[in-house]
Amino acid sequence: MKKFQLFVILILIIGLMTSCAGRVPTAKQARSASLSYFKKYGRKYNETPFGHKNISNVTINGVEEVSYKFALADTIITFVDGHAGRALVKLENKFPGGWKVISWELIGYR
């Protein structure tokens, strides 16, 4: 009986540990997904401000969960020429690939 109780407690602890795992990407994950997305976007659309691979850095102001497997990241995109743009980036957790950008909106450009 004791072995069975120990087994049940162990299963519950493992279940709680995995179910409480983060459903929101970390700032590092959101930064990596956004940076690679905007660099690919710049190569595809050269006439946009993102064109010619001129993004130097992406800074994450905050990440919040929108719904299950969806998150919204507030980002500041720094260009090589010194300009910066603020964008809201919507991310989706796709199994097994991780977080992917599904939509974005440029809020400001200075």
Protein backbone atom coordinates (compact mmCIF):
# COMPACT_ATOMS: atom_id res chain seq x y z
CA MET A 1 0.00 0.00 0.00
CA LYS A 2 2.84 2.40 0.81
CA LYS A 3 4.43 1.85 -2.60
CA PHE A 4 1.14 2.66 -4.30
CA GLN A 5 0.71 5.89 -2.29
CA LEU A 6 4.27 6.91 -3.07
CA PHE A 7 3.69 6.19 -6.76
CA VAL A 8 0.49 8.30 -6.81
CA ILE A 9 2.20 11.19 -5.01
CA LEU A 10 5.12 11.02 -7.43
CA ILE A 11 2.78 11.09 -10.45
CA LEU A 12 0.91 14.09 -9.00
CA ILE A 13 4.13 16.00 -8.38
CA ILE A 14 5.40 15.34 -11.90
CA GLY A 15 2.00 16.31 -13.32
CA LEU A 16 1.95 19.58 -11.39
CA MET A 17 5.49 20.44 -12.41
CA THR A 18 4.77 19.98 -16.11
CA SER A 19 1.35 21.63 -16.07
CA CYS A 20 2.70 24.73 -14.35
CA ALA A 21 5.38 25.23 -16.99
CA GLY A 22 5.39 28.63 -18.64
CA ARG A 23 2.74 29.21 -21.26
CA VAL A 24 4.25 32.55 -22.22
CA PRO A 25 7.57 32.83 -24.07
CA THR A 26 10.50 34.27 -22.21
CA ALA A 27 11.90 37.59 -23.37
CA LYS A 28 14.81 35.74 -24.96
CA GLN A 29 12.49 33.45 -26.96
CA ALA A 30 10.30 36.37 -28.08
CA ARG A 31 13.39 38.38 -29.08
CA SER A 32 14.84 35.50 -31.08
CA ALA A 33 11.56 34.78 -32.90
CA SER A 34 10.98 38.49 -33.68
CA LEU A 35 14.53 39.17 -34.84
CA SER A 36 14.64 36.21 -37.21
CA TYR A 37 11.15 37.04 -38.54
CA PHE A 38 11.95 40.69 -39.30
CA LYS A 39 15.27 39.80 -40.93
CA LYS A 40 13.50 37.32 -43.23
CA TYR A 41 10.77 39.90 -43.88
CA GLY A 42 13.42 42.47 -44.84
CA ARG A 43 15.00 40.11 -47.35
CA LYS A 44 11.61 39.40 -48.92
CA TYR A 45 10.36 43.01 -49.08
CA ASN A 46 13.34 45.26 -49.80
CA GLU A 47 11.30 48.47 -50.18
CA THR A 48 10.08 48.40 -46.55
CA PRO A 49 12.00 49.95 -43.64
CA PHE A 50 13.07 46.41 -42.72
CA GLY A 51 14.68 45.84 -46.12
CA HIS A 52 18.34 45.21 -46.86
CA LYS A 53 18.91 43.42 -43.51
CA ASN A 54 19.27 46.66 -41.61
CA ILE A 55 17.91 45.51 -38.23
CA SER A 56 20.51 45.56 -35.50
CA ASN A 57 18.53 44.70 -32.37
CA VAL A 58 15.09 43.84 -31.01
CA THR A 59 14.26 44.80 -27.43
CA ILE A 60 11.29 43.26 -25.63
CA ASN A 61 9.32 45.62 -23.38
CA GLY A 62 6.87 42.98 -22.20
CA VAL A 63 5.18 39.71 -23.07
CA GLU A 64 1.66 38.77 -22.07
CA GLU A 65 -0.57 35.81 -22.76
CA VAL A 66 -3.53 36.52 -25.05
CA SER A 67 -5.03 33.03 -24.94
CA TYR A 68 -3.81 29.45 -24.78
CA LYS A 69 -0.72 29.10 -27.02
CA PHE A 70 -0.88 32.77 -28.10
CA ALA A 71 1.17 35.65 -26.69
CA LEU A 72 1.60 39.34 -27.46
CA ALA A 73 5.05 40.93 -27.27
CA ASP A 74 5.68 44.67 -27.15
CA THR A 75 8.96 45.20 -29.02
CA ILE A 76 11.29 48.01 -30.00
CA ILE A 77 13.14 47.33 -33.25
CA THR A 78 16.45 49.17 -33.62
CA PHE A 79 17.77 49.74 -37.13
CA VAL A 80 21.42 50.04 -38.14
CA ASP A 81 21.01 53.72 -39.11
CA GLY A 82 19.89 54.64 -35.57
CA HIS A 83 16.14 54.77 -36.13
CA ALA A 84 13.77 52.72 -34.01
CA GLY A 85 10.28 51.38 -34.43
CA ARG A 86 7.80 50.05 -31.92
CA ALA A 87 5.83 46.96 -32.91
CA LEU A 88 3.29 44.65 -31.35
CA VAL A 89 4.10 41.07 -32.30
CA LYS A 90 1.66 38.18 -31.89
CA LEU A 91 3.34 34.83 -31.28
CA GLU A 92 1.95 31.30 -31.46
CA ASN A 93 3.42 28.26 -29.77
CA LYS A 94 3.72 25.65 -32.52
CA PHE A 95 4.67 22.14 -31.52
CA PRO A 96 7.55 21.10 -31.85
CA GLY A 97 9.07 24.22 -33.40
CA GLY A 98 8.56 26.66 -30.55
CA TRP A 99 7.26 30.23 -30.76
CA LYS A 100 6.54 31.66 -34.22
CA VAL A 101 5.43 35.15 -35.29
CA ILE A 102 1.96 35.04 -36.84
CA SER A 103 1.16 38.76 -37.09
CA TRP A 104 2.60 42.12 -36.19
CA GLU A 105 1.75 45.80 -36.32
CA LEU A 106 4.18 48.70 -36.48
CA ILE A 107 2.93 51.29 -33.97
CA GLY A 108 5.53 53.99 -34.32
CA TYR A 109 8.67 54.80 -36.26
CA ARG A 110 11.21 57.43 -35.25
